[in-house]
Amino acid sequence: MGFAFEPEFGWPVFTIFVGGSVMVAGYFIYQHFFLWWLFSIPVVAIAEIPVNIGQMIVGLIVSIPLVRAISRALPLLKP
């Protein structure tokens, strides 16, 4: 919907979701495979996925208005 109504809003949301998905997958792989093998720390990595998705959503909610405010205040920083 963001692409149809306002493309300037749709692209940042899309890129944050893609980057957030990479972050969630990276956290899961690290916790599931490396924490146990390297440090013998028992971790249930699947239980952390909702928390990491929440982190991605909070980042989205905070970053979009912040970037818009900064780009309005400092138009020379816009590419």
Protein backbone atom coordinates (compact mmCIF):
# COMPACT_ATOMS: atom_id res chain seq x y z
CA MET A 1 0.00 0.00 0.00
CA GLY A 2 2.87 2.34 0.77
CA PHE A 3 4.17 2.04 -2.78
CA ALA A 4 0.77 2.85 -4.29
CA PHE A 5 -0.04 5.90 -2.18
CA GLU A 6 3.36 7.33 -1.32
CA PRO A 7 6.48 5.67 -2.77
CA GLU A 8 8.76 7.81 -0.59
CA PHE A 9 7.18 6.04 2.38
CA GLY A 10 7.02 2.57 0.87
CA TRP A 11 10.71 2.13 0.09
CA PRO A 12 12.04 2.88 3.59
CA VAL A 13 9.45 0.56 5.13
CA PHE A 14 10.38 -2.19 2.65
CA THR A 15 14.11 -1.81 3.27
CA ILE A 16 13.64 -1.80 7.04
CA PHE A 17 11.65 -5.03 6.79
CA VAL A 18 14.33 -6.64 4.62
CA GLY A 19 17.12 -5.50 6.94
CA GLY A 20 15.11 -6.50 9.99
CA SER A 21 14.53 -9.96 8.55
CA VAL A 22 18.27 -10.36 8.03
CA MET A 23 18.81 -9.20 11.63
CA VAL A 24 16.26 -11.68 13.01
CA ALA A 25 17.75 -14.53 10.96
CA GLY A 26 21.27 -13.58 12.04
CA TYR A 27 20.33 -13.48 15.71
CA PHE A 28 18.60 -16.86 15.40
CA ILE A 29 21.55 -18.50 13.65
CA TYR A 30 24.00 -17.09 16.19
CA GLN A 31 21.96 -18.09 19.21
CA HIS A 32 20.96 -21.49 17.90
CA PHE A 33 24.27 -22.67 16.49
CA PHE A 34 27.12 -20.67 17.99
CA LEU A 35 26.20 -19.98 21.61
CA TRP A 36 25.85 -23.67 22.44
CA TRP A 37 28.90 -24.85 20.53
CA LEU A 38 31.27 -22.08 21.62
CA PHE A 39 30.23 -21.34 25.18
CA SER A 40 27.90 -24.21 26.20
CA ILE A 41 25.18 -21.70 27.04
CA PRO A 42 21.73 -23.28 26.70
CA VAL A 43 19.53 -20.94 24.68
CA VAL A 44 16.11 -21.52 23.19
CA ALA A 45 16.65 -19.39 20.10
CA ILE A 46 13.14 -19.79 18.75
CA ALA A 47 11.76 -18.04 21.84
CA GLU A 48 13.81 -14.94 20.98
CA ILE A 49 12.28 -14.50 17.51
CA PRO A 50 9.20 -12.49 18.68
CA VAL A 51 11.45 -10.19 20.71
CA ASN A 52 13.70 -9.60 17.71
CA ILE A 53 10.70 -8.93 15.46
CA GLY A 54 9.48 -6.45 18.07
CA GLN A 55 12.88 -4.77 17.95
CA MET A 56 12.55 -4.47 14.17
CA ILE A 57 9.05 -2.95 14.45
CA VAL A 58 10.12 -0.45 17.12
CA GLY A 59 13.05 0.54 14.90
CA LEU A 60 10.63 1.08 12.03
CA ILE A 61 8.25 3.16 14.14
CA VAL A 62 11.06 5.35 15.46
CA SER A 63 13.19 5.70 12.34
CA ILE A 64 10.60 6.75 9.73
CA PRO A 65 9.38 9.90 11.55
CA LEU A 66 12.92 10.71 12.66
CA VAL A 67 14.29 10.54 9.11
CA ARG A 68 11.41 12.63 7.81
CA ALA A 69 11.97 15.29 10.48
CA ILE A 70 15.71 15.42 9.84
CA SER A 71 15.27 15.62 6.08
CA ARG A 72 12.81 18.52 6.50
CA ALA A 73 15.11 20.34 8.92
CA LEU A 74 18.27 19.74 6.90
CA PRO A 75 17.34 19.49 3.21
CA LEU A 76 21.00 19.52 2.14
CA LEU A 77 21.45 16.03 3.62
CA LYS A 78 18.88 14.57 1.23
CA PRO A 79 20.51 12.63 -1.62
